[in-house]
PDB file of N, CA and C in Angstrom:
ATOM      1  N   MET A   1      -0.783   4.972  12.024  1.00  0.00           N
ATOM      2  CA  MET A   1       0.301   5.082  11.080  1.00  0.00           C
ATOM      3  C   MET A   1       1.438   4.163  11.506  1.00  0.00           C
ATOM      4  N   SER A   2       2.240   3.764  10.550  1.00  0.00           N
ATOM      5  CA  SER A   2       3.308   2.824  10.844  1.00  0.00           C
ATOM      6  C   SER A   2       4.467   3.511  11.560  1.00  0.00           C
ATOM      7  N   SER A   3       5.442   2.702  11.968  1.00  0.00           N
ATOM      8  CA  SER A   3       6.612   3.247  12.649  1.00  0.00           C
ATOM      9  C   SER A   3       7.683   3.700  11.658  1.00  0.00           C
ATOM     10  N   ARG A   4       7.426   3.571  10.391  1.00  0.00           N
ATOM     11  CA  ARG A   4       8.396   4.006   9.383  1.00  0.00           C
ATOM     12  C   ARG A   4       8.537   5.526   9.404  1.00  0.00           C
ATOM     13  N   ALA A   5       9.599   6.002   8.786  1.00  0.00           N
ATOM     14  CA  ALA A   5       9.906   7.431   8.798  1.00  0.00           C
ATOM     15  C   ALA A   5       8.854   8.259   8.073  1.00  0.00           C
ATOM     16  N   HIS A   6       8.289   7.751   7.008  1.00  0.00           N
ATOM     17  CA  HIS A   6       7.313   8.508   6.226  1.00  0.00           C
ATOM     18  C   HIS A   6       6.253   7.550   5.700  1.00  0.00           C
ATOM     19  N   TRP A   7       5.017   8.004   5.658  1.00  0.00           N
ATOM     20  CA  TRP A   7       3.911   7.154   5.231  1.00  0.00           C
ATOM     21  C   TRP A   7       4.130   6.567   3.845  1.00  0.00           C
ATOM     22  N   SER A   8       4.826   7.273   2.972  1.00  0.00           N
ATOM     23  CA  SER A   8       4.985   6.815   1.591  1.00  0.00           C
ATOM     24  C   SER A   8       5.737   5.489   1.486  1.00  0.00           C
ATOM     25  N   GLU A   9       6.499   5.140   2.516  1.00  0.00           N
ATOM     26  CA  GLU A   9       7.209   3.864   2.509  1.00  0.00           C
ATOM     27  C   GLU A   9       6.249   2.682   2.575  1.00  0.00           C
ATOM     28  N   ASP A  10       5.027   2.905   3.058  1.00  0.00           N
ATOM     29  CA  ASP A  10       4.026   1.846   3.154  1.00  0.00           C
ATOM     30  C   ASP A  10       2.957   1.953   2.070  1.00  0.00           C
ATOM     31  N   ALA A  11       3.105   2.903   1.161  1.00  0.00           N
ATOM     32  CA  ALA A  11       2.080   3.150   0.145  1.00  0.00           C
ATOM     33  C   ALA A  11       1.987   2.004  -0.861  1.00  0.00           C
ATOM     34  N   ALA A  12       0.775   1.690  -1.256  1.00  0.00           N
ATOM     35  CA  ALA A  12       0.545   0.642  -2.251  1.00  0.00           C
ATOM     36  C   ALA A  12       1.177   1.012  -3.591  1.00  0.00           C
ATOM     37  N   CYS A  13       1.348   2.290  -3.839  1.00  0.00           N
ATOM     38  CA  CYS A  13       1.884   2.769  -5.117  1.00  0.00           C
ATOM     39  C   CYS A  13       3.390   3.008  -5.082  1.00  0.00           C
ATOM     40  N   ARG A  14       4.056   2.657  -3.999  1.00  0.00           N
ATOM     41  CA  ARG A  14       5.464   3.026  -3.825  1.00  0.00           C
ATOM     42  C   ARG A  14       6.362   2.535  -4.958  1.00  0.00           C
ATOM     43  N   SER A  15       6.005   1.431  -5.612  1.00  0.00           N
ATOM     44  CA  SER A  15       6.839   0.933  -6.711  1.00  0.00           C
ATOM     45  C   SER A  15       6.188   1.156  -8.076  1.00  0.00           C
ATOM     46  N   ALA A  16       5.097   1.900  -8.099  1.00  0.00           N
ATOM     47  CA  ALA A  16       4.385   2.160  -9.359  1.00  0.00           C
ATOM     48  C   ALA A  16       5.145   3.172 -10.210  1.00  0.00           C
ATOM     49  N   ASP A  17       4.908   3.096 -11.491  1.00  0.00           N
ATOM     50  CA  ASP A  17       5.447   4.088 -12.421  1.00  0.00           C
ATOM     51  C   ASP A  17       4.747   5.416 -12.119  1.00  0.00           C
ATOM     52  N   PRO A  18       5.479   6.474 -11.831  1.00  0.00           N
ATOM     53  CA  PRO A  18       4.838   7.763 -11.513  1.00  0.00           C
ATOM     54  C   PRO A  18       3.861   8.240 -12.583  1.00  0.00           C
ATOM     55  N   ASP A  19       4.126   7.896 -13.843  1.00  0.00           N
ATOM     56  CA  ASP A  19       3.207   8.299 -14.913  1.00  0.00           C
ATOM     57  C   ASP A  19       1.808   7.732 -14.706  1.00  0.00           C
ATOM     58  N   GLU A  20       1.715   6.585 -14.031  1.00  0.00           N
ATOM     59  CA  GLU A  20       0.410   5.978 -13.760  1.00  0.00           C
ATOM     60  C   GLU A  20      -0.383   6.796 -12.745  1.00  0.00           C
ATOM     61  N   LEU A  21       0.290   7.508 -11.878  1.00  0.00           N
ATOM     62  CA  LEU A  21      -0.372   8.277 -10.826  1.00  0.00           C
ATOM     63  C   LEU A  21      -0.697   9.703 -11.258  1.00  0.00           C
ATOM     64  N   PHE A  22      -0.123  10.117 -12.358  1.00  0.00           N
ATOM     65  CA  PHE A  22      -0.342  11.465 -12.881  1.00  0.00           C
ATOM     66  C   PHE A  22      -0.918  11.370 -14.290  1.00  0.00           C
ATOM     67  N   ALA A  23      -1.970  10.583 -14.417  1.00  0.00           N
ATOM     68  CA  ALA A  23      -2.588  10.289 -15.712  1.00  0.00           C
ATOM     69  C   ALA A  23      -3.897  11.047 -15.888  1.00  0.00           C
ATOM     70  N   ASP A  24      -4.447  10.951 -17.079  1.00  0.00           N
ATOM     71  CA  ASP A  24      -5.741  11.551 -17.392  1.00  0.00           C
ATOM     72  C   ASP A  24      -6.814  10.466 -17.443  1.00  0.00           C
ATOM     73  N   SER A  25      -8.042  10.851 -17.286  1.00  0.00           N
ATOM     74  CA  SER A  25      -9.243  10.035 -17.512  1.00  0.00           C
ATOM     75  C   SER A  25      -9.145   8.613 -16.990  1.00  0.00           C
ATOM     76  N   ALA A  26      -9.119   7.639 -17.902  1.00  0.00           N
ATOM     77  CA  ALA A  26      -9.122   6.229 -17.501  1.00  0.00           C
ATOM     78  C   ALA A  26      -7.910   5.897 -16.644  1.00  0.00           C
ATOM     79  N   GLY A  27      -6.808   6.545 -16.911  1.00  0.00           N
ATOM     80  CA  GLY A  27      -5.613   6.322 -16.105  1.00  0.00           C
ATOM     81  C   GLY A  27      -5.824   6.709 -14.654  1.00  0.00           C
ATOM     82  N   GLN A  28      -6.611   7.742 -14.435  1.00  0.00           N
ATOM     83  CA  GLN A  28      -6.914   8.151 -13.063  1.00  0.00           C
ATOM     84  C   GLN A  28      -7.724   7.077 -12.354  1.00  0.00           C
ATOM     85  N   ASN A  29      -8.624   6.442 -13.065  1.00  0.00           N
ATOM     86  CA  ASN A  29      -9.408   5.368 -12.453  1.00  0.00           C
ATOM     87  C   ASN A  29      -8.516   4.200 -12.058  1.00  0.00           C
ATOM     88  N   ARG A  30      -7.522   3.889 -12.872  1.00  0.00           N
ATOM     89  CA  ARG A  30      -6.585   2.813 -12.519  1.00  0.00           C
ATOM     90  C   ARG A  30      -5.775   3.207 -11.282  1.00  0.00           C
ATOM     91  N   ALA A  31      -5.340   4.451 -11.234  1.00  0.00           N
ATOM     92  CA  ALA A  31      -4.577   4.921 -10.071  1.00  0.00           C
ATOM     93  C   ALA A  31      -5.434   4.880  -8.812  1.00  0.00           C
ATOM     94  N   LYS A  32      -6.679   5.301  -8.931  1.00  0.00           N
ATOM     95  CA  LYS A  32      -7.581   5.280  -7.774  1.00  0.00           C
ATOM     96  C   LYS A  32      -7.820   3.858  -7.288  1.00  0.00           C
ATOM     97  N   ALA A  33      -7.823   2.893  -8.210  1.00  0.00           N
ATOM     98  CA  ALA A  33      -8.009   1.491  -7.822  1.00  0.00           C
ATOM     99  C   ALA A  33      -6.846   1.019  -6.951  1.00  0.00           C
ATOM    100  N   VAL A  34      -5.644   1.481  -7.229  1.00  0.00           N
ATOM    101  CA  VAL A  34      -4.483   1.139  -6.402  1.00  0.00           C
ATOM    102  C   VAL A  34      -4.679   1.687  -4.993  1.00  0.00           C
ATOM    103  N   CYS A  35      -5.247   2.881  -4.898  1.00  0.00           N
ATOM    104  CA  CYS A  35      -5.446   3.534  -3.602  1.00  0.00           C
ATOM    105  C   CYS A  35      -6.481   2.821  -2.726  1.00  0.00           C
ATOM    106  N   THR A  36      -7.409   2.130  -3.345  1.00  0.00           N
ATOM    107  CA  THR A  36      -8.535   1.554  -2.613  1.00  0.00           C
ATOM    108  C   THR A  36      -8.110   0.729  -1.404  1.00  0.00           C
ATOM    109  N   GLY A  37      -7.141  -0.131  -1.546  1.00  0.00           N
ATOM    110  CA  GLY A  37      -6.730  -0.972  -0.423  1.00  0.00           C
ATOM    111  C   GLY A  37      -5.450  -0.518   0.249  1.00  0.00           C
ATOM    112  N   CYS A  38      -5.013   0.690  -0.041  1.00  0.00           N
ATOM    113  CA  CYS A  38      -3.737   1.167   0.483  1.00  0.00           C
ATOM    114  C   CYS A  38      -3.815   1.411   1.995  1.00  0.00           C
ATOM    115  N   PRO A  39      -2.828   0.909   2.746  1.00  0.00           N
ATOM    116  CA  PRO A  39      -2.854   1.079   4.201  1.00  0.00           C
ATOM    117  C   PRO A  39      -2.586   2.511   4.672  1.00  0.00           C
ATOM    118  N   VAL A  40      -2.070   3.359   3.790  1.00  0.00           N
ATOM    119  CA  VAL A  40      -1.769   4.743   4.184  1.00  0.00           C
ATOM    120  C   VAL A  40      -2.558   5.746   3.344  1.00  0.00           C
ATOM    121  N   ARG A  41      -3.682   5.318   2.844  1.00  0.00           N
ATOM    122  CA  ARG A  41      -4.512   6.183   1.995  1.00  0.00           C
ATOM    123  C   ARG A  41      -4.871   7.495   2.698  1.00  0.00           C
ATOM    124  N   THR A  42      -5.256   7.418   3.942  1.00  0.00           N
ATOM    125  CA  THR A  42      -5.659   8.609   4.691  1.00  0.00           C
ATOM    126  C   THR A  42      -4.494   9.579   4.861  1.00  0.00           C
ATOM    127  N   GLU A  43      -3.317   9.059   5.208  1.00  0.00           N
ATOM    128  CA  GLU A  43      -2.139   9.908   5.378  1.00  0.00           C
ATOM    129  C   GLU A  43      -1.761  10.582   4.062  1.00  0.00           C
ATOM    130  N   CYS A  44      -1.860   9.835   2.976  1.00  0.00           N
ATOM    131  CA  CYS A  44      -1.546  10.355   1.649  1.00  0.00           C
ATOM    132  C   CYS A  44      -2.488  11.499   1.275  1.00  0.00           C
ATOM    133  N   LEU A  45      -3.777  11.271   1.480  1.00  0.00           N
ATOM    134  CA  LEU A  45      -4.759  12.303   1.153  1.00  0.00           C
ATOM    135  C   LEU A  45      -4.555  13.544   2.017  1.00  0.00           C
ATOM    136  N   ALA A  46      -4.336  13.350   3.307  1.00  0.00           N
ATOM    137  CA  ALA A  46      -4.117  14.491   4.206  1.00  0.00           C
ATOM    138  C   ALA A  46      -2.899  15.297   3.771  1.00  0.00           C
ATOM    139  N   ASP A  47      -1.838  14.613   3.398  1.00  0.00           N
ATOM    140  CA  ASP A  47      -0.625  15.291   2.952  1.00  0.00           C
ATOM    141  C   ASP A  47      -0.897  16.112   1.691  1.00  0.00           C
ATOM    142  N   ALA A  48      -1.610  15.529   0.739  1.00  0.00           N
ATOM    143  CA  ALA A  48      -1.930  16.242  -0.506  1.00  0.00           C
ATOM    144  C   ALA A  48      -2.819  17.454  -0.241  1.00  0.00           C
ATOM    145  N   LEU A  49      -3.800  17.299   0.626  1.00  0.00           N
ATOM    146  CA  LEU A  49      -4.707  18.411   0.934  1.00  0.00           C
ATOM    147  C   LEU A  49      -3.998  19.508   1.727  1.00  0.00           C
ATOM    148  N   ASP A  50      -3.235  19.119   2.735  1.00  0.00           N
ATOM    149  CA  ASP A  50      -2.526  20.114   3.553  1.00  0.00           C
ATOM    150  C   ASP A  50      -1.497  20.895   2.741  1.00  0.00           C
ATOM    151  N   ASN A  51      -0.913  20.246   1.741  1.00  0.00           N
ATOM    152  CA  ASN A  51       0.121  20.887   0.927  1.00  0.00           C
ATOM    153  C   ASN A  51      -0.399  21.402  -0.407  1.00  0.00           C
ATOM    154  N   ARG A  52      -1.721  21.321  -0.584  1.00  0.00           N
ATOM    155  CA  ARG A  52      -2.371  21.824  -1.803  1.00  0.00           C
ATOM    156  C   ARG A  52      -1.710  21.279  -3.070  1.00  0.00           C
ATOM    157  N   VAL A  53      -1.468  19.961  -3.078  1.00  0.00           N
ATOM    158  CA  VAL A  53      -0.884  19.307  -4.248  1.00  0.00           C
ATOM    159  C   VAL A  53      -1.881  19.400  -5.394  1.00  0.00           C
ATOM    160  N   GLU A  54      -1.439  19.921  -6.513  1.00  0.00           N
ATOM    161  CA  GLU A  54      -2.348  20.207  -7.619  1.00  0.00           C
ATOM    162  C   GLU A  54      -2.498  19.075  -8.623  1.00  0.00           C
ATOM    163  N   TRP A  55      -1.546  18.173  -8.726  1.00  0.00           N
ATOM    164  CA  TRP A  55      -1.572  17.179  -9.793  1.00  0.00           C
ATOM    165  C   TRP A  55      -1.537  15.761  -9.252  1.00  0.00           C
ATOM    166  N   GLY A  56      -2.133  14.857 -10.003  1.00  0.00           N
ATOM    167  CA  GLY A  56      -2.057  13.436  -9.699  1.00  0.00           C
ATOM    168  C   GLY A  56      -3.153  12.939  -8.780  1.00  0.00           C
ATOM    169  N   VAL A  57      -3.171  11.633  -8.631  1.00  0.00           N
ATOM    170  CA  VAL A  57      -4.099  10.969  -7.718  1.00  0.00           C
ATOM    171  C   VAL A  57      -3.361  10.751  -6.402  1.00  0.00           C
ATOM    172  N   TRP A  58      -3.949  11.230  -5.332  1.00  0.00           N
ATOM    173  CA  TRP A  58      -3.382  11.111  -3.983  1.00  0.00           C
ATOM    174  C   TRP A  58      -4.492  10.670  -3.044  1.00  0.00           C
ATOM    175  N   GLY A  59      -4.245   9.636  -2.276  1.00  0.00           N
ATOM    176  CA  GLY A  59      -5.243   9.182  -1.315  1.00  0.00           C
ATOM    177  C   GLY A  59      -6.567   8.805  -1.958  1.00  0.00           C
ATOM    178  N   GLY A  60      -6.525   8.391  -3.203  1.00  0.00           N
ATOM    179  CA  GLY A  60      -7.743   7.962  -3.891  1.00  0.00           C
ATOM    180  C   GLY A  60      -8.564   9.082  -4.493  1.00  0.00           C
ATOM    181  N   MET A  61      -8.032  10.292  -4.509  1.00  0.00           N
ATOM    182  CA  MET A  61      -8.767  11.427  -5.076  1.00  0.00           C
ATOM    183  C   MET A  61      -7.959  12.092  -6.187  1.00  0.00           C
ATOM    184  N   THR A  62      -8.656  12.461  -7.249  1.00  0.00           N
ATOM    185  CA  THR A  62      -8.022  13.197  -8.340  1.00  0.00           C
ATOM    186  C   THR A  62      -7.846  14.653  -7.933  1.00  0.00           C
ATOM    187  N   GLU A  63      -7.102  15.389  -8.742  1.00  0.00           N
ATOM    188  CA  GLU A  63      -6.931  16.811  -8.442  1.00  0.00           C
ATOM    189  C   GLU A  63      -8.266  17.540  -8.446  1.00  0.00           C
ATOM    190  N   ARG A  64      -9.145  17.171  -9.351  1.00  0.00           N
ATOM    191  CA  ARG A  64     -10.469  17.813  -9.411  1.00  0.00           C
ATOM    192  C   ARG A  64     -11.267  17.528  -8.135  1.00  0.00           C
ATOM    193  N   GLU A  65     -11.221  16.289  -7.668  1.00  0.00           N
ATOM    194  CA  GLU A  65     -11.946  15.932  -6.440  1.00  0.00           C
ATOM    195  C   GLU A  65     -11.368  16.654  -5.227  1.00  0.00           C
ATOM    196  N   ARG A  66     -10.045  16.761  -5.176  1.00  0.00           N
ATOM    197  CA  ARG A  66      -9.423  17.478  -4.051  1.00  0.00           C
ATOM    198  C   ARG A  66      -9.762  18.960  -4.082  1.00  0.00           C
ATOM    199  N   ARG A  67      -9.733  19.568  -5.263  1.00  0.00           N
ATOM    200  CA  ARG A  67     -10.097  20.992  -5.364  1.00  0.00           C
ATOM    201  C   ARG A  67     -11.525  21.215  -4.887  1.00  0.00           C
ATOM    202  N   ALA A  68     -12.435  20.332  -5.285  1.00  0.00           N
ATOM    203  CA  ALA A  68     -13.835  20.464  -4.865  1.00  0.00           C
ATOM    204  C   ALA A  68     -13.948  20.349  -3.347  1.00  0.00           C
ATOM    205  N   LEU A  69     -13.223  19.415  -2.762  1.00  0.00           N
ATOM    206  CA  LEU A  69     -13.248  19.242  -1.308  1.00  0.00           C
ATOM    207  C   LEU A  69     -12.686  20.481  -0.610  1.00  0.00           C
ATOM    208  N   LEU A  70     -11.601  21.018  -1.127  1.00  0.00           N
ATOM    209  CA  LEU A  70     -11.013  22.226  -0.535  1.00  0.00           C
ATOM    210  C   LEU A  70     -11.955  23.419  -0.644  1.00  0.00           C
ATOM    211  N   ARG A  71     -12.710  23.499  -1.732  1.00  0.00           N
ATOM    212  CA  ARG A  71     -13.693  24.590  -1.868  1.00  0.00           C
ATOM    213  C   ARG A  71     -14.844  24.413  -0.879  1.00  0.00           C
ATOM    214  N   ARG A  72     -15.269  23.162  -0.655  1.00  0.00           N
ATOM    215  CA  ARG A  72     -16.371  22.906   0.287  1.00  0.00           C
ATOM    216  C   ARG A  72     -15.953  23.134   1.733  1.00  0.00           C
ATOM    217  N   ARG A  73     -14.684  22.923   2.034  1.00  0.00           N
ATOM    218  CA  ARG A  73     -14.189  23.045   3.405  1.00  0.00           C
ATOM    219  C   ARG A  73     -12.991  23.996   3.462  1.00  0.00           C
ATOM    220  N   PRO A  74     -13.171  25.275   3.129  1.00  0.00           N
ATOM    221  CA  PRO A  74     -12.039  26.205   3.029  1.00  0.00           C
ATOM    222  C   PRO A  74     -11.381  26.553   4.361  1.00  0.00           C
ATOM    223  N   ASN A  75     -12.044  26.317   5.457  1.00  0.00           N
ATOM    224  CA  ASN A  75     -11.510  26.729   6.758  1.00  0.00           C
ATOM    225  C   ASN A  75     -10.745  25.636   7.492  1.00  0.00           C
ATOM    226  N   VAL A  76     -10.536  24.499   6.856  1.00  0.00           N
ATOM    227  CA  VAL A  76      -9.795  23.421   7.510  1.00  0.00           C
ATOM    228  C   VAL A  76      -8.320  23.807   7.575  1.00  0.00           C
ATOM    229  N   ALA A  77      -7.792  23.870   8.783  1.00  0.00           N
ATOM    230  CA  ALA A  77      -6.385  24.239   8.983  1.00  0.00           C
ATOM    231  C   ALA A  77      -5.470  23.028   8.857  1.00  0.00           C
ATOM    232  N   SER A  78      -5.960  21.850   9.250  1.00  0.00           N
ATOM    233  CA  SER A  78      -5.141  20.640   9.202  1.00  0.00           C
ATOM    234  C   SER A  78      -5.994  19.455   8.763  1.00  0.00           C
ATOM    235  N   TRP A  79      -5.790  19.032   7.535  1.00  0.00           N
ATOM    236  CA  TRP A  79      -6.511  17.852   7.050  1.00  0.00           C
ATOM    237  C   TRP A  79      -6.012  16.605   7.761  1.00  0.00           C
ATOM    238  N   LYS A  80      -4.772  16.619   8.190  1.00  0.00           N
ATOM    239  CA  LYS A  80      -4.244  15.485   8.948  1.00  0.00           C
ATOM    240  C   LYS A  80      -5.085  15.275  10.203  1.00  0.00           C
ATOM    241  N   ARG A  81      -5.420  16.366  10.869  1.00  0.00           N
ATOM    242  CA  ARG A  81      -6.239  16.289  12.076  1.00  0.00           C
ATOM    243  C   ARG A  81      -7.668  15.842  11.754  1.00  0.00           C
ATOM    244  N   VAL A  82      -8.244  16.422  10.702  1.00  0.00           N
ATOM    245  CA  VAL A  82      -9.616  16.069  10.315  1.00  0.00           C
ATOM    246  C   VAL A  82      -9.700  14.588   9.963  1.00  0.00           C
ATOM    247  N   LEU A  83      -8.747  14.108   9.171  1.00  0.00           N
ATOM    248  CA  LEU A  83      -8.798  12.723   8.712  1.00  0.00           C
ATOM    249  C   LEU A  83      -8.361  11.724   9.775  1.00  0.00           C
ATOM    250  N   ALA A  84      -7.759  12.211  10.865  1.00  0.00           N
ATOM    251  CA  ALA A  84      -7.427  11.324  11.980  1.00  0.00           C
ATOM    252  C   ALA A  84      -8.696  10.862  12.690  1.00  0.00           C
ATOM    253  N   ASP A  85      -9.770  11.626  12.517  1.00  0.00           N
ATOM    254  CA  ASP A  85     -11.079  11.259  13.063  1.00  0.00           C
ATOM    255  C   ASP A  85     -11.666  10.200  12.133  1.00  0.00           C
ATOM    256  N   ARG A  86     -11.680   8.961  12.583  1.00  0.00           N
ATOM    257  CA  ARG A  86     -12.070   7.833  11.732  1.00  0.00           C
ATOM    258  C   ARG A  86     -13.406   8.027  11.014  1.00  0.00           C
ATOM    259  N   PRO A  87     -14.479   8.433  11.691  1.00  0.00           N
ATOM    260  CA  PRO A  87     -15.741   8.630  10.964  1.00  0.00           C
ATOM    261  C   PRO A  87     -15.645   9.696   9.873  1.00  0.00           C
ATOM    262  N   ALA A  88     -14.928  10.776  10.143  1.00  0.00           N
ATOM    263  CA  ALA A  88     -14.775  11.830   9.130  1.00  0.00           C
ATOM    264  C   ALA A  88     -14.001  11.301   7.935  1.00  0.00           C
ATOM    265  N   ALA A  89     -12.946  10.563   8.206  1.00  0.00           N
ATOM    266  CA  ALA A  89     -12.139   9.997   7.123  1.00  0.00           C
ATOM    267  C   ALA A  89     -12.962   9.029   6.290  1.00  0.00           C
ATOM    268  N   GLN A  90     -13.740   8.189   6.944  1.00  0.00           N
ATOM    269  CA  GLN A  90     -14.559   7.225   6.212  1.00  0.00           C
ATOM    270  C   GLN A  90     -15.580   7.925   5.334  1.00  0.00           C
ATOM    271  N   THR A  91     -16.150   8.995   5.824  1.00  0.00           N
ATOM    272  CA  THR A  91     -17.119   9.750   5.032  1.00  0.00           C
ATOM    273  C   THR A  91     -16.443  10.361   3.814  1.00  0.00           C
ATOM    274  N   LEU A  92     -15.307  11.005   4.018  1.00  0.00           N
ATOM    275  CA  LEU A  92     -14.606  11.659   2.915  1.00  0.00           C
ATOM    276  C   LEU A  92     -14.055  10.665   1.909  1.00  0.00           C
ATOM    277  N   LEU A  93     -13.641   9.502   2.377  1.00  0.00           N
ATOM    278  CA  LEU A  93     -13.048   8.504   1.493  1.00  0.00           C
ATOM    279  C   LEU A  93     -14.070   7.520   0.947  1.00  0.00           C
ATOM    280  N   GLY A  94     -15.320   7.691   1.317  1.00  0.00           N
ATOM    281  CA  GLY A  94     -16.363   6.824   0.791  1.00  0.00           C
ATOM    282  C   GLY A  94     -16.368   5.433   1.380  1.00  0.00           C
ATOM    283  N   ARG A  95     -15.885   5.307   2.603  1.00  0.00           N
ATOM    284  CA  ARG A  95     -15.873   3.999   3.281  1.00  0.00           C
ATOM    285  C   ARG A  95     -16.987   3.955   4.299  1.00  0.00           C
ATOM    286  N   ARG A  96     -17.347   2.759   4.663  1.00  0.00           N
ATOM    287  CA  ARG A  96     -18.365   2.572   5.704  1.00  0.00           C
ATOM    288  C   ARG A  96     -17.842   1.603   6.748  1.00  0.00           C
ATOM    289  N   GLY A  97     -18.406   1.748   7.975  1.00  0.00           N
ATOM    290  CA  GLY A  97     -18.107   0.777   9.014  1.00  0.00           C
ATOM    291  C   GLY A  97     -16.892   1.008   9.809  1.00  0.00           C
TER     292      GLY A  97
END
């Protein structure tokens, strides 16, 4: 993570219109595309999961995808800790290598 005060300062979406990140259907795909190369994608997703954020695209996942992940892994106490493990993060975020 960067030396900035909060991960959101380095987010690829930091200057995006918030409506783009809280969209339906095709809009969600556009928002997820912004997340793909984001340097703080993992931190964003961990924050959304740890805080049970219900709306919008966070860390490349829609609310539906996050709910499904939370149902599959109900005993995770800290997603920040889980996603700090590079292989686990890559698996959850669909990355390889």
